[in-house]
């Protein structure tokens, strides 16, 4: 049996966790989001016999009854960067963008991975076509996760500077990125990109089909499943569990992923969305998503599979800087091989 508790504000975190822990009847209590880290640390200390898991939260001094589930967003973002870089190279463009939320260490993993993927794409394209390409990454931290207007302004600035694809890593702020790209397509009388946006965390493609070529997905469900499975099987251990491409913790959305996401929305939201898009059925939405992907040559999708396999096998390592100094080193690196040395 699943019991779900929603906190109205950060002030409720500790009390809600305490209430659940005091009942002493839950196999594992799962807290979602790095904002809950301190609350979990405090309450887990008060209830050492209760198992806890936190998604996206880390503290080196976390009690040992807490499983900290982290994602290798650097690996998923490398695929997003490769996608952006290959589309740009194939279309003869030399700039891609990334719009981020607050400048905090967890977001460096996204930026570093994206940059890595773009550099890898330059190299791949050169091997394939025999042409040198040099693609600049325009980046902006907006300082917010819930200001769509800021996201739109940041994306507009990048589009004006020639960004061909923009990856949004900014929560609600990033919705403005989709709007900015759609405005450009509208002004050109186009229903599908390029230019394109790349979504984040969940398969966001359904939000603006034709605008969003794919999303870098973070499988929170896989994280929760891991914690619950271990608790049920009696193998639960505190400490860090990191989920990357190999563990299916991160990835690039497929059309199936997007439709699964769409089907999980409330019925009236689904209907409203189809209406807004001028579509009469979910099958038409699927077709629209598939057609969007056909704007990109098949070899690009094949290249992403190659990079994914190399990362999964450990042949390629993607940097995951956790402080500003390490991030600056990645920004300064000229090749993906140089970046990989920083990862090691």
C-alpha atoms as a PDB file:
ATOM      1  CA  UNK A   1       0.000   0.000   0.000  1.00  0.00           C
ATOM      2  CA  UNK A   2       1.295   3.447  -0.981  1.00  0.00           C
ATOM      3  CA  UNK A   3       0.653   6.473   1.224  1.00  0.00           C
ATOM      4  CA  UNK A   4       1.387   9.818  -0.407  1.00  0.00           C
ATOM      5  CA  UNK A   5       1.977  13.034   1.549  1.00  0.00           C
ATOM      6  CA  UNK A   6       2.247  16.412  -0.157  1.00  0.00           C
ATOM      7  CA  UNK A   7       4.024  19.255   1.664  1.00  0.00           C
ATOM      8  CA  UNK A   8       2.567  22.747   1.252  1.00  0.00           C
ATOM      9  CA  UNK A   9       5.894  24.377   2.013  1.00  0.00           C
ATOM     10  CA  UNK A  10       9.457  23.572   3.062  1.00  0.00           C
ATOM     11  CA  UNK A  11       8.408  24.170   6.685  1.00  0.00           C
ATOM     12  CA  UNK A  12       6.255  20.999   6.502  1.00  0.00           C
ATOM     13  CA  UNK A  13       9.040  18.617   5.448  1.00  0.00           C
ATOM     14  CA  UNK A  14      10.264  17.664   8.932  1.00  0.00           C
ATOM     15  CA  UNK A  15       6.771  17.337  10.427  1.00  0.00           C
ATOM     16  CA  UNK A  16       5.460  15.225   7.549  1.00  0.00           C
ATOM     17  CA  UNK A  17       8.447  12.878   7.673  1.00  0.00           C
ATOM     18  CA  UNK A  18       8.134  12.606  11.468  1.00  0.00           C
ATOM     19  CA  UNK A  19       4.419  11.792  11.250  1.00  0.00           C
ATOM     20  CA  UNK A  20       5.111   8.938   8.819  1.00  0.00           C
ATOM     21  CA  UNK A  21       8.130   7.628  10.744  1.00  0.00           C
ATOM     22  CA  UNK A  22       6.254   7.675  14.070  1.00  0.00           C
ATOM     23  CA  UNK A  23       3.624   5.311  12.652  1.00  0.00           C
ATOM     24  CA  UNK A  24       6.352   2.632  12.367  1.00  0.00           C
ATOM     25  CA  UNK A  25       4.470   0.811   9.620  1.00  0.00           C
ATOM     26  CA  UNK A  26       6.238   1.795   6.408  1.00  0.00           C
ATOM     27  CA  UNK A  27       8.865  -0.385   4.762  1.00  0.00           C
ATOM     28  CA  UNK A  28      10.566   2.703   3.372  1.00  0.00           C
ATOM     29  CA  UNK A  29       9.780   6.421   3.325  1.00  0.00           C
ATOM     30  CA  UNK A  30      10.801   8.063   0.060  1.00  0.00           C
ATOM     31  CA  UNK A  31      11.436  11.822  -0.089  1.00  0.00           C
ATOM     32  CA  UNK A  32      11.625  13.372  -3.538  1.00  0.00           C
ATOM     33  CA  UNK A  33      13.879  16.353  -4.246  1.00  0.00           C
ATOM     34  CA  UNK A  34      17.161  17.808  -3.007  1.00  0.00           C
ATOM     35  CA  UNK A  35      15.237  20.446  -1.023  1.00  0.00           C
ATOM     36  CA  UNK A  36      14.302  17.701   1.475  1.00  0.00           C
ATOM     37  CA  UNK A  37      17.898  16.643   2.242  1.00  0.00           C
ATOM     38  CA  UNK A  38      18.213  18.406   5.603  1.00  0.00           C
ATOM     39  CA  UNK A  39      14.783  17.279   6.782  1.00  0.00           C
ATOM     40  CA  UNK A  40      15.525  13.634   5.924  1.00  0.00           C
ATOM     41  CA  UNK A  41      18.889  13.844   7.684  1.00  0.00           C
ATOM     42  CA  UNK A  42      17.232  15.185  10.836  1.00  0.00           C
ATOM     43  CA  UNK A  43      14.272  12.771  10.967  1.00  0.00           C
ATOM     44  CA  UNK A  44      16.327   9.699   9.959  1.00  0.00           C
ATOM     45  CA  UNK A  45      18.559  10.487  12.918  1.00  0.00           C
ATOM     46  CA  UNK A  46      15.517  10.514  15.228  1.00  0.00           C
ATOM     47  CA  UNK A  47      14.163   7.207  13.830  1.00  0.00           C
ATOM     48  CA  UNK A  48      17.212   4.990  13.204  1.00  0.00           C
ATOM     49  CA  UNK A  49      15.077   1.846  12.665  1.00  0.00           C
ATOM     50  CA  UNK A  50      13.046   3.398   9.843  1.00  0.00           C
ATOM     51  CA  UNK A  51      14.375   3.073   6.284  1.00  0.00           C
ATOM     52  CA  UNK A  52      14.402   6.266   4.220  1.00  0.00           C
ATOM     53  CA  UNK A  53      15.321   7.056   0.636  1.00  0.00           C
ATOM     54  CA  UNK A  54      15.859  10.483  -0.862  1.00  0.00           C
ATOM     55  CA  UNK A  55      15.824  11.256  -4.561  1.00  0.00           C
ATOM     56  CA  UNK A  56      18.447  13.811  -5.653  1.00  0.00           C
ATOM     57  CA  UNK A  57      19.604  14.500  -2.088  1.00  0.00           C
ATOM     58  CA  UNK A  58      23.142  14.057  -0.792  1.00  0.00           C
ATOM     59  CA  UNK A  59      24.888  14.760   2.489  1.00  0.00           C
ATOM     60  CA  UNK A  60      28.199  13.102   3.442  1.00  0.00           C
ATOM     61  CA  UNK A  61      26.968  12.866   7.026  1.00  0.00           C
ATOM     62  CA  UNK A  62      23.591  11.318   6.219  1.00  0.00           C
ATOM     63  CA  UNK A  63      22.569   8.605   8.752  1.00  0.00           C
ATOM     64  CA  UNK A  64      23.117   5.056   7.476  1.00  0.00           C
ATOM     65  CA  UNK A  65      19.389   4.249   7.322  1.00  0.00           C
ATOM     66  CA  UNK A  66      19.063   6.565   4.303  1.00  0.00           C
ATOM     67  CA  UNK A  67      19.547   5.511   0.690  1.00  0.00           C
ATOM     68  CA  UNK A  68      20.559   8.571  -1.348  1.00  0.00           C
ATOM     69  CA  UNK A  69      19.492   8.049  -4.947  1.00  0.00           C
ATOM     70  CA  UNK A  70      21.402  10.224  -7.388  1.00  0.00           C
ATOM     71  CA  UNK A  71      21.322  10.335 -11.169  1.00  0.00           C
ATOM     72  CA  UNK A  72      24.178  10.655 -13.624  1.00  0.00           C
ATOM     73  CA  UNK A  73      22.602  13.624 -15.389  1.00  0.00           C
ATOM     74  CA  UNK A  74      26.027  14.228 -16.953  1.00  0.00           C
ATOM     75  CA  UNK A  75      25.580  10.993 -18.950  1.00  0.00           C
ATOM     76  CA  UNK A  76      22.044  11.776 -20.133  1.00  0.00           C
ATOM     77  CA  UNK A  77      23.095  15.348 -20.929  1.00  0.00           C
ATOM     78  CA  UNK A  78      25.982  14.041 -23.046  1.00  0.00           C
ATOM     79  CA  UNK A  79      23.375  12.435 -25.297  1.00  0.00           C
ATOM     80  CA  UNK A  80      21.415  15.725 -25.373  1.00  0.00           C
ATOM     81  CA  UNK A  81      24.626  17.569 -26.351  1.00  0.00           C
ATOM     82  CA  UNK A  82      25.454  15.008 -29.034  1.00  0.00           C
ATOM     83  CA  UNK A  83      21.933  15.364 -30.456  1.00  0.00           C
ATOM     84  CA  UNK A  84      22.203  19.172 -30.480  1.00  0.00           C
ATOM     85  CA  UNK A  85      25.721  19.152 -31.943  1.00  0.00           C
ATOM     86  CA  UNK A  86      24.936  16.679 -34.712  1.00  0.00           C
ATOM     87  CA  UNK A  87      21.759  18.506 -35.764  1.00  0.00           C
ATOM     88  CA  UNK A  88      23.685  21.802 -35.861  1.00  0.00           C
ATOM     89  CA  UNK A  89      26.637  20.300 -37.774  1.00  0.00           C
ATOM     90  CA  UNK A  90      24.342  18.582 -40.272  1.00  0.00           C
ATOM     91  CA  UNK A  91      22.497  21.882 -40.892  1.00  0.00           C
ATOM     92  CA  UNK A  92      25.728  23.906 -41.232  1.00  0.00           C
ATOM     93  CA  UNK A  93      25.134  25.837 -37.991  1.00  0.00           C
ATOM     94  CA  UNK A  94      27.789  26.653 -35.417  1.00  0.00           C
ATOM     95  CA  UNK A  95      25.924  27.440 -32.180  1.00  0.00           C
ATOM     96  CA  UNK A  96      23.759  25.582 -29.690  1.00  0.00           C
ATOM     97  CA  UNK A  97      22.378  26.803 -26.358  1.00  0.00           C
ATOM     98  CA  UNK A  98      21.605  25.692 -22.826  1.00  0.00           C
ATOM     99  CA  UNK A  99      19.373  27.615 -20.419  1.00  0.00           C
ATOM    100  CA  UNK A 100      19.695  26.630 -16.759  1.00  0.00           C
ATOM    101  CA  UNK A 101      18.069  27.484 -13.435  1.00  0.00           C
ATOM    102  CA  UNK A 102      20.103  28.495 -10.395  1.00  0.00           C
ATOM    103  CA  UNK A 103      23.871  28.162 -10.597  1.00  0.00           C
ATOM    104  CA  UNK A 104      24.209  25.310  -8.112  1.00  0.00           C
ATOM    105  CA  UNK A 105      26.580  22.311  -8.261  1.00  0.00           C
ATOM    106  CA  UNK A 106      23.902  19.759  -9.305  1.00  0.00           C
ATOM    107  CA  UNK A 107      23.358  21.756 -12.515  1.00  0.00           C
ATOM    108  CA  UNK A 108      27.045  21.664 -13.441  1.00  0.00           C
ATOM    109  CA  UNK A 109      26.537  17.971 -14.261  1.00  0.00           C
ATOM    110  CA  UNK A 110      23.994  18.939 -16.933  1.00  0.00           C
ATOM    111  CA  UNK A 111      26.140  21.715 -18.411  1.00  0.00           C
ATOM    112  CA  UNK A 112      29.313  19.606 -18.414  1.00  0.00           C
ATOM    113  CA  UNK A 113      27.578  16.615 -19.984  1.00  0.00           C
ATOM    114  CA  UNK A 114      25.995  18.793 -22.664  1.00  0.00           C
ATOM    115  CA  UNK A 115      29.336  20.376 -23.539  1.00  0.00           C
ATOM    116  CA  UNK A 116      30.926  16.936 -23.671  1.00  0.00           C
ATOM    117  CA  UNK A 117      28.238  15.707 -26.076  1.00  0.00           C
ATOM    118  CA  UNK A 118      28.650  18.730 -28.353  1.00  0.00           C
ATOM    119  CA  UNK A 119      32.436  18.153 -28.569  1.00  0.00           C
ATOM    120  CA  UNK A 120      31.872  14.444 -29.218  1.00  0.00           C
ATOM    121  CA  UNK A 121      29.438  15.406 -32.025  1.00  0.00           C
ATOM    122  CA  UNK A 122      32.076  17.645 -33.664  1.00  0.00           C
ATOM    123  CA  UNK A 123      34.468  14.706 -33.726  1.00  0.00           C
ATOM    124  CA  UNK A 124      31.839  12.214 -34.942  1.00  0.00           C
ATOM    125  CA  UNK A 125      30.757  14.534 -37.748  1.00  0.00           C
ATOM    126  CA  UNK A 126      34.353  15.038 -38.846  1.00  0.00           C
ATOM    127  CA  UNK A 127      34.934  11.261 -39.018  1.00  0.00           C
ATOM    128  CA  UNK A 128      31.690  10.833 -40.971  1.00  0.00           C
ATOM    129  CA  UNK A 129      31.837  13.779 -43.375  1.00  0.00           C
ATOM    130  CA  UNK A 130      35.520  14.668 -43.372  1.00  0.00           C
ATOM    131  CA  UNK A 131      34.639  18.268 -42.456  1.00  0.00           C
ATOM    132  CA  UNK A 132      35.922  20.251 -39.488  1.00  0.00           C
ATOM    133  CA  UNK A 133      33.143  21.820 -37.456  1.00  0.00           C
ATOM    134  CA  UNK A 134      33.396  24.007 -34.400  1.00  0.00           C
ATOM    135  CA  UNK A 135      30.215  24.499 -32.421  1.00  0.00           C
ATOM    136  CA  UNK A 136      29.944  27.102 -29.672  1.00  0.00           C
ATOM    137  CA  UNK A 137      27.814  26.456 -26.597  1.00  0.00           C
ATOM    138  CA  UNK A 138      25.902  29.554 -25.446  1.00  0.00           C
ATOM    139  CA  UNK A 139      24.878  29.185 -21.820  1.00  0.00           C
ATOM    140  CA  UNK A 140      22.912  31.152 -19.264  1.00  0.00           C
ATOM    141  CA  UNK A 141      22.003  30.502 -15.646  1.00  0.00           C
ATOM    142  CA  UNK A 142      18.748  32.388 -15.045  1.00  0.00           C
ATOM    143  CA  UNK A 143      18.846  32.131 -11.240  1.00  0.00           C
ATOM    144  CA  UNK A 144      15.334  30.697 -11.126  1.00  0.00           C
ATOM    145  CA  UNK A 145      13.373  27.464 -11.584  1.00  0.00           C
ATOM    146  CA  UNK A 146       9.899  29.002 -11.790  1.00  0.00           C
ATOM    147  CA  UNK A 147      10.062  32.084 -14.011  1.00  0.00           C
ATOM    148  CA  UNK A 148       9.039  31.228 -17.579  1.00  0.00           C
ATOM    149  CA  UNK A 149       9.545  34.851 -18.686  1.00  0.00           C
ATOM    150  CA  UNK A 150      13.236  34.674 -17.693  1.00  0.00           C
ATOM    151  CA  UNK A 151      13.605  31.408 -19.576  1.00  0.00           C
ATOM    152  CA  UNK A 152      12.018  32.888 -22.656  1.00  0.00           C
ATOM    153  CA  UNK A 153      14.246  35.984 -22.557  1.00  0.00           C
ATOM    154  CA  UNK A 154      17.382  33.844 -22.170  1.00  0.00           C
ATOM    155  CA  UNK A 155      16.380  31.603 -25.089  1.00  0.00           C
ATOM    156  CA  UNK A 156      15.460  34.577 -27.293  1.00  0.00           C
ATOM    157  CA  UNK A 157      18.925  36.052 -26.733  1.00  0.00           C
ATOM    158  CA  UNK A 158      20.553  32.728 -27.684  1.00  0.00           C
ATOM    159  CA  UNK A 159      18.339  32.281 -30.762  1.00  0.00           C
ATOM    160  CA  UNK A 160      19.242  35.799 -31.901  1.00  0.00           C
ATOM    161  CA  UNK A 161      22.921  34.863 -31.570  1.00  0.00           C
ATOM    162  CA  UNK A 162      22.337  31.863 -33.823  1.00  0.00           C
ATOM    163  CA  UNK A 163      21.606  28.987 -31.429  1.00  0.00           C
ATOM    164  CA  UNK A 164      20.067  26.156 -33.473  1.00  0.00           C
ATOM    165  CA  UNK A 165      19.020  23.901 -30.580  1.00  0.00           C
ATOM    166  CA  UNK A 166      18.480  24.901 -26.929  1.00  0.00           C
ATOM    167  CA  UNK A 167      18.507  22.468 -24.003  1.00  0.00           C
ATOM    168  CA  UNK A 168      16.396  23.618 -21.074  1.00  0.00           C
ATOM    169  CA  UNK A 169      17.585  22.666 -17.570  1.00  0.00           C
ATOM    170  CA  UNK A 170      15.489  25.113 -15.616  1.00  0.00           C
ATOM    171  CA  UNK A 171      12.230  23.530 -14.411  1.00  0.00           C
ATOM    172  CA  UNK A 172       9.303  25.929 -14.861  1.00  0.00           C
ATOM    173  CA  UNK A 173      11.687  28.621 -16.135  1.00  0.00           C
ATOM    174  CA  UNK A 174      12.486  26.303 -19.033  1.00  0.00           C
ATOM    175  CA  UNK A 175       8.892  26.357 -20.292  1.00  0.00           C
ATOM    176  CA  UNK A 176       9.759  29.812 -21.597  1.00  0.00           C
ATOM    177  CA  UNK A 177      12.505  28.232 -23.728  1.00  0.00           C
ATOM    178  CA  UNK A 178       9.856  26.187 -25.554  1.00  0.00           C
ATOM    179  CA  UNK A 179       7.812  29.360 -26.126  1.00  0.00           C
ATOM    180  CA  UNK A 180      10.806  31.228 -27.570  1.00  0.00           C
ATOM    181  CA  UNK A 181      11.597  28.433 -30.051  1.00  0.00           C
ATOM    182  CA  UNK A 182       7.926  28.139 -31.043  1.00  0.00           C
ATOM    183  CA  UNK A 183       7.774  31.896 -31.720  1.00  0.00           C
ATOM    184  CA  UNK A 184      10.674  31.556 -34.183  1.00  0.00           C
ATOM    185  CA  UNK A 185       8.996  28.634 -35.951  1.00  0.00           C
ATOM    186  CA  UNK A 186       5.670  30.534 -36.072  1.00  0.00           C
ATOM    187  CA  UNK A 187       7.387  33.572 -37.584  1.00  0.00           C
ATOM    188  CA  UNK A 188       8.755  31.298 -40.346  1.00  0.00           C
ATOM    189  CA  UNK A 189       5.394  29.600 -40.916  1.00  0.00           C
ATOM    190  CA  UNK A 190       6.807  26.255 -39.731  1.00  0.00           C
ATOM    191  CA  UNK A 191       5.060  23.698 -37.509  1.00  0.00           C
ATOM    192  CA  UNK A 192       8.246  21.730 -36.860  1.00  0.00           C
ATOM    193  CA  UNK A 193      11.853  22.634 -36.193  1.00  0.00           C
ATOM    194  CA  UNK A 194      14.701  23.150 -36.572  1.00  0.00           C
ATOM    195  CA  UNK A 195      15.377  25.226 -34.574  1.00  0.00           C
ATOM    196  CA  UNK A 196      14.485  22.849 -31.746  1.00  0.00           C
ATOM    197  CA  UNK A 197      14.377  22.730 -27.961  1.00  0.00           C
ATOM    198  CA  UNK A 198      15.394  19.748 -25.804  1.00  0.00           C
ATOM    199  CA  UNK A 199      13.314  19.009 -22.701  1.00  0.00           C
ATOM    200  CA  UNK A 200      14.506  17.790 -19.305  1.00  0.00           C
ATOM    201  CA  UNK A 201      13.697  15.385 -16.447  1.00  0.00           C
ATOM    202  CA  UNK A 202      10.475  13.924 -17.880  1.00  0.00           C
ATOM    203  CA  UNK A 203       9.555  13.255 -21.542  1.00  0.00           C
ATOM    204  CA  UNK A 204       8.381  16.822 -22.185  1.00  0.00           C
ATOM    205  CA  UNK A 205       7.990  16.447 -25.958  1.00  0.00           C
ATOM    206  CA  UNK A 206       4.149  16.381 -25.649  1.00  0.00           C
ATOM    207  CA  UNK A 207       4.167  19.943 -24.234  1.00  0.00           C
ATOM    208  CA  UNK A 208       5.131  21.403 -27.615  1.00  0.00           C
ATOM    209  CA  UNK A 209       5.347  18.702 -30.304  1.00  0.00           C
ATOM    210  CA  UNK A 210       7.277  19.943 -33.317  1.00  0.00           C
ATOM    211  CA  UNK A 211       9.287  22.282 -31.081  1.00  0.00           C
ATOM    212  CA  UNK A 212      10.854  19.726 -28.704  1.00  0.00           C
ATOM    213  CA  UNK A 213      12.936  17.151 -30.553  1.00  0.00           C
ATOM    214  CA  UNK A 214      13.523  14.985 -27.451  1.00  0.00           C
ATOM    215  CA  UNK A 215      14.026  15.224 -23.685  1.00  0.00           C
ATOM    216  CA  UNK A 216      16.791  14.147 -21.318  1.00  0.00           C
ATOM    217  CA  UNK A 217      14.795  11.947 -18.978  1.00  0.00           C
ATOM    218  CA  UNK A 218      15.536  11.195 -15.363  1.00  0.00           C
ATOM    219  CA  UNK A 219      13.821   8.012 -14.251  1.00  0.00           C
ATOM    220  CA  UNK A 220      12.738   8.849 -10.715  1.00  0.00           C
ATOM    221  CA  UNK A 221      10.518   5.741 -10.960  1.00  0.00           C
ATOM    222  CA  UNK A 222      13.596   3.542 -11.384  1.00  0.00           C
ATOM    223  CA  UNK A 223      15.106   5.197  -8.293  1.00  0.00           C
ATOM    224  CA  UNK A 224      11.992   4.644  -6.179  1.00  0.00           C
ATOM    225  CA  UNK A 225      11.676   1.067  -7.457  1.00  0.00           C
ATOM    226  CA  UNK A 226      15.290   0.377  -6.438  1.00  0.00           C
ATOM    227  CA  UNK A 227      14.669   1.579  -2.871  1.00  0.00           C
ATOM    228  CA  UNK A 228      11.378  -0.326  -2.484  1.00  0.00           C
ATOM    229  CA  UNK A 229      12.721  -3.538  -4.052  1.00  0.00           C
ATOM    230  CA  UNK A 230      15.745  -3.541  -1.715  1.00  0.00           C
ATOM    231  CA  UNK A 231      13.517  -2.877   1.297  1.00  0.00           C
ATOM    232  CA  UNK A 232      11.134  -5.708   0.332  1.00  0.00           C
ATOM    233  CA  UNK A 233      13.966  -8.155  -0.356  1.00  0.00           C
ATOM    234  CA  UNK A 234      15.834  -7.286   2.827  1.00  0.00           C
ATOM    235  CA  UNK A 235      18.924  -5.992   0.993  1.00  0.00           C
ATOM    236  CA  UNK A 236      18.374  -2.285   1.747  1.00  0.00           C
ATOM    237  CA  UNK A 237      21.590  -0.385   2.492  1.00  0.00           C
ATOM    238  CA  UNK A 238      22.114   3.267   3.300  1.00  0.00           C
ATOM    239  CA  UNK A 239      24.534   5.350   1.249  1.00  0.00           C
ATOM    240  CA  UNK A 240      24.684   6.535  -2.341  1.00  0.00           C
ATOM    241  CA  UNK A 241      23.087   4.714  -5.275  1.00  0.00           C
ATOM    242  CA  UNK A 242      23.928   6.348  -8.602  1.00  0.00           C
ATOM    243  CA  UNK A 243      21.779   5.633 -11.631  1.00  0.00           C
ATOM    244  CA  UNK A 244      23.207   6.332 -15.082  1.00  0.00           C
ATOM    245  CA  UNK A 245      22.572   5.199 -18.647  1.00  0.00           C
ATOM    246  CA  UNK A 246      23.525   1.609 -17.839  1.00  0.00           C
ATOM    247  CA  UNK A 247      21.004   1.414 -14.980  1.00  0.00           C
ATOM    248  CA  UNK A 248      18.274   3.077 -17.091  1.00  0.00           C
ATOM    249  CA  UNK A 249      18.325   6.004 -14.648  1.00  0.00           C
ATOM    250  CA  UNK A 250      18.775   8.638 -17.372  1.00  0.00           C
ATOM    251  CA  UNK A 251      18.288   8.653 -21.136  1.00  0.00           C
ATOM    252  CA  UNK A 252      16.844  10.374 -24.175  1.00  0.00           C
ATOM    253  CA  UNK A 253      13.066  10.132 -24.523  1.00  0.00           C
ATOM    254  CA  UNK A 254      11.523   7.819 -27.103  1.00  0.00           C
ATOM    255  CA  UNK A 255       8.091   8.399 -28.645  1.00  0.00           C
ATOM    256  CA  UNK A 256       6.818   5.516 -26.469  1.00  0.00           C
ATOM    257  CA  UNK A 257       8.121   7.314 -23.349  1.00  0.00           C
ATOM    258  CA  UNK A 258       6.297  10.492 -24.384  1.00  0.00           C
ATOM    259  CA  UNK A 259       3.006   8.671 -25.000  1.00  0.00           C
ATOM    260  CA  UNK A 260       3.268   6.889 -21.633  1.00  0.00           C
ATOM    261  CA  UNK A 261       3.756  10.294 -20.005  1.00  0.00           C
ATOM    262  CA  UNK A 262       0.813  11.756 -21.943  1.00  0.00           C
ATOM    263  CA  UNK A 263      -1.432   8.830 -20.953  1.00  0.00           C
ATOM    264  CA  UNK A 264      -0.628   9.434 -17.278  1.00  0.00           C
ATOM    265  CA  UNK A 265      -2.087  12.956 -17.437  1.00  0.00           C
ATOM    266  CA  UNK A 266      -5.668  13.608 -16.232  1.00  0.00           C
ATOM    267  CA  UNK A 267      -8.222  12.916 -18.967  1.00  0.00           C
ATOM    268  CA  UNK A 268      -9.322  16.576 -19.233  1.00  0.00           C
ATOM    269  CA  UNK A 269      -5.682  17.751 -19.548  1.00  0.00           C
ATOM    270  CA  UNK A 270      -5.165  15.270 -22.403  1.00  0.00           C
ATOM    271  CA  UNK A 271      -8.279  16.479 -24.215  1.00  0.00           C
ATOM    272  CA  UNK A 272      -7.359  20.153 -23.756  1.00  0.00           C
ATOM    273  CA  UNK A 273      -3.842  19.497 -25.074  1.00  0.00           C
ATOM    274  CA  UNK A 274      -5.099  17.701 -28.187  1.00  0.00           C
ATOM    275  CA  UNK A 275      -7.569  20.547 -28.784  1.00  0.00           C
ATOM    276  CA  UNK A 276      -4.842  23.187 -28.391  1.00  0.00           C
ATOM    277  CA  UNK A 277      -2.737  21.322 -30.959  1.00  0.00           C
ATOM    278  CA  UNK A 278      -5.659  20.921 -33.351  1.00  0.00           C
ATOM    279  CA  UNK A 279      -5.427  17.127 -33.117  1.00  0.00           C
ATOM    280  CA  UNK A 280      -8.386  14.774 -32.805  1.00  0.00           C
ATOM    281  CA  UNK A 281      -6.750  11.729 -31.183  1.00  0.00           C
ATOM    282  CA  UNK A 282      -3.728  10.437 -29.301  1.00  0.00           C
ATOM    283  CA  UNK A 283      -2.785   8.487 -32.468  1.00  0.00           C
ATOM    284  CA  UNK A 284      -2.475  11.814 -34.291  1.00  0.00           C
ATOM    285  CA  UNK A 285      -0.246  13.066 -31.457  1.00  0.00           C
ATOM    286  CA  UNK A 286       1.990   9.994 -31.824  1.00  0.00           C
ATOM    287  CA  UNK A 287       2.196  10.599 -35.582  1.00  0.00           C
ATOM    288  CA  UNK A 288       3.100  14.249 -34.958  1.00  0.00           C
ATOM    289  CA  UNK A 289       5.891  13.227 -32.565  1.00  0.00           C
ATOM    290  CA  UNK A 290       7.212  10.654 -35.037  1.00  0.00           C
ATOM    291  CA  UNK A 291       7.144  13.201 -37.868  1.00  0.00           C
ATOM    292  CA  UNK A 292       9.033  15.700 -35.684  1.00  0.00           C
ATOM    293  CA  UNK A 293      11.814  13.139 -35.244  1.00  0.00           C
ATOM    294  CA  UNK A 294      11.901  12.500 -38.988  1.00  0.00           C
ATOM    295  CA  UNK A 295      13.143  16.088 -39.465  1.00  0.00           C
ATOM    296  CA  UNK A 296      16.493  14.653 -38.307  1.00  0.00           C
ATOM    297  CA  UNK A 297      18.429  12.116 -40.433  1.00  0.00           C
ATOM    298  CA  UNK A 298      18.407   8.522 -39.130  1.00  0.00           C
ATOM    299  CA  UNK A 299      22.194   8.450 -38.788  1.00  0.00           C
ATOM    300  CA  UNK A 300      21.962  11.067 -35.999  1.00  0.00           C
ATOM    301  CA  UNK A 301      19.775   8.768 -33.877  1.00  0.00           C
ATOM    302  CA  UNK A 302      22.180   5.929 -34.681  1.00  0.00           C
ATOM    303  CA  UNK A 303      25.123   8.040 -33.493  1.00  0.00           C
ATOM    304  CA  UNK A 304      23.374   8.608 -30.139  1.00  0.00           C
ATOM    305  CA  UNK A 305      23.030   4.843 -29.727  1.00  0.00           C
ATOM    306  CA  UNK A 306      26.768   4.481 -30.384  1.00  0.00           C
ATOM    307  CA  UNK A 307      27.661   7.092 -27.750  1.00  0.00           C
ATOM    308  CA  UNK A 308      25.227   5.521 -25.275  1.00  0.00           C
ATOM    309  CA  UNK A 309      26.849   2.088 -25.749  1.00  0.00           C
ATOM    310  CA  UNK A 310      30.344   3.556 -25.252  1.00  0.00           C
ATOM    311  CA  UNK A 311      29.298   5.280 -22.008  1.00  0.00           C
ATOM    312  CA  UNK A 312      27.491   2.176 -20.748  1.00  0.00           C
ATOM    313  CA  UNK A 313      30.550   0.010 -21.382  1.00  0.00           C
ATOM    314  CA  UNK A 314      32.781   2.465 -19.508  1.00  0.00           C
ATOM    315  CA  UNK A 315      34.926   3.185 -22.599  1.00  0.00           C
ATOM    316  CA  UNK A 316      33.790   6.804 -22.448  1.00  0.00           C
ATOM    317  CA  UNK A 317      33.540   8.718 -19.181  1.00  0.00           C
ATOM    318  CA  UNK A 318      31.635  11.989 -18.943  1.00  0.00           C
ATOM    319  CA  UNK A 319      32.818  14.670 -16.485  1.00  0.00           C
ATOM    320  CA  UNK A 320      30.589  15.519 -13.500  1.00  0.00           C
ATOM    321  CA  UNK A 321      32.065  18.663 -11.914  1.00  0.00           C
ATOM    322  CA  UNK A 322      30.693  19.519  -8.487  1.00  0.00           C
ATOM    323  CA  UNK A 323      32.235  22.964  -8.022  1.00  0.00           C
ATOM    324  CA  UNK A 324      32.795  26.106 -10.058  1.00  0.00           C
ATOM    325  CA  UNK A 325      36.522  25.558 -10.533  1.00  0.00           C
ATOM    326  CA  UNK A 326      36.027  22.076 -12.038  1.00  0.00           C
ATOM    327  CA  UNK A 327      33.227  23.439 -14.232  1.00  0.00           C
ATOM    328  CA  UNK A 328      35.547  26.147 -15.563  1.00  0.00           C
ATOM    329  CA  UNK A 329      38.055  23.424 -16.545  1.00  0.00           C
ATOM    330  CA  UNK A 330      35.377  21.654 -18.575  1.00  0.00           C
ATOM    331  CA  UNK A 331      34.371  24.943 -20.238  1.00  0.00           C
ATOM    332  CA  UNK A 332      38.003  25.534 -21.222  1.00  0.00           C
ATOM    333  CA  UNK A 333      38.581  22.043 -22.670  1.00  0.00           C
ATOM    334  CA  UNK A 334      38.887  21.924 -26.470  1.00  0.00           C
ATOM    335  CA  UNK A 335      38.002  18.261 -27.115  1.00  0.00           C
ATOM    336  CA  UNK A 336      35.855  15.544 -25.552  1.00  0.00           C
ATOM    337  CA  UNK A 337      39.042  13.583 -24.867  1.00  0.00           C
ATOM    338  CA  UNK A 338      40.347  16.470 -22.745  1.00  0.00           C
ATOM    339  CA  UNK A 339      37.029  16.529 -20.911  1.00  0.00           C
ATOM    340  CA  UNK A 340      37.232  12.787 -20.351  1.00  0.00           C
ATOM    341  CA  UNK A 341      40.621  13.236 -18.664  1.00  0.00           C
ATOM    342  CA  UNK A 342      38.891  15.623 -16.245  1.00  0.00           C
ATOM    343  CA  UNK A 343      36.290  12.899 -15.572  1.00  0.00           C
ATOM    344  CA  UNK A 344      39.044  10.484 -14.589  1.00  0.00           C
END
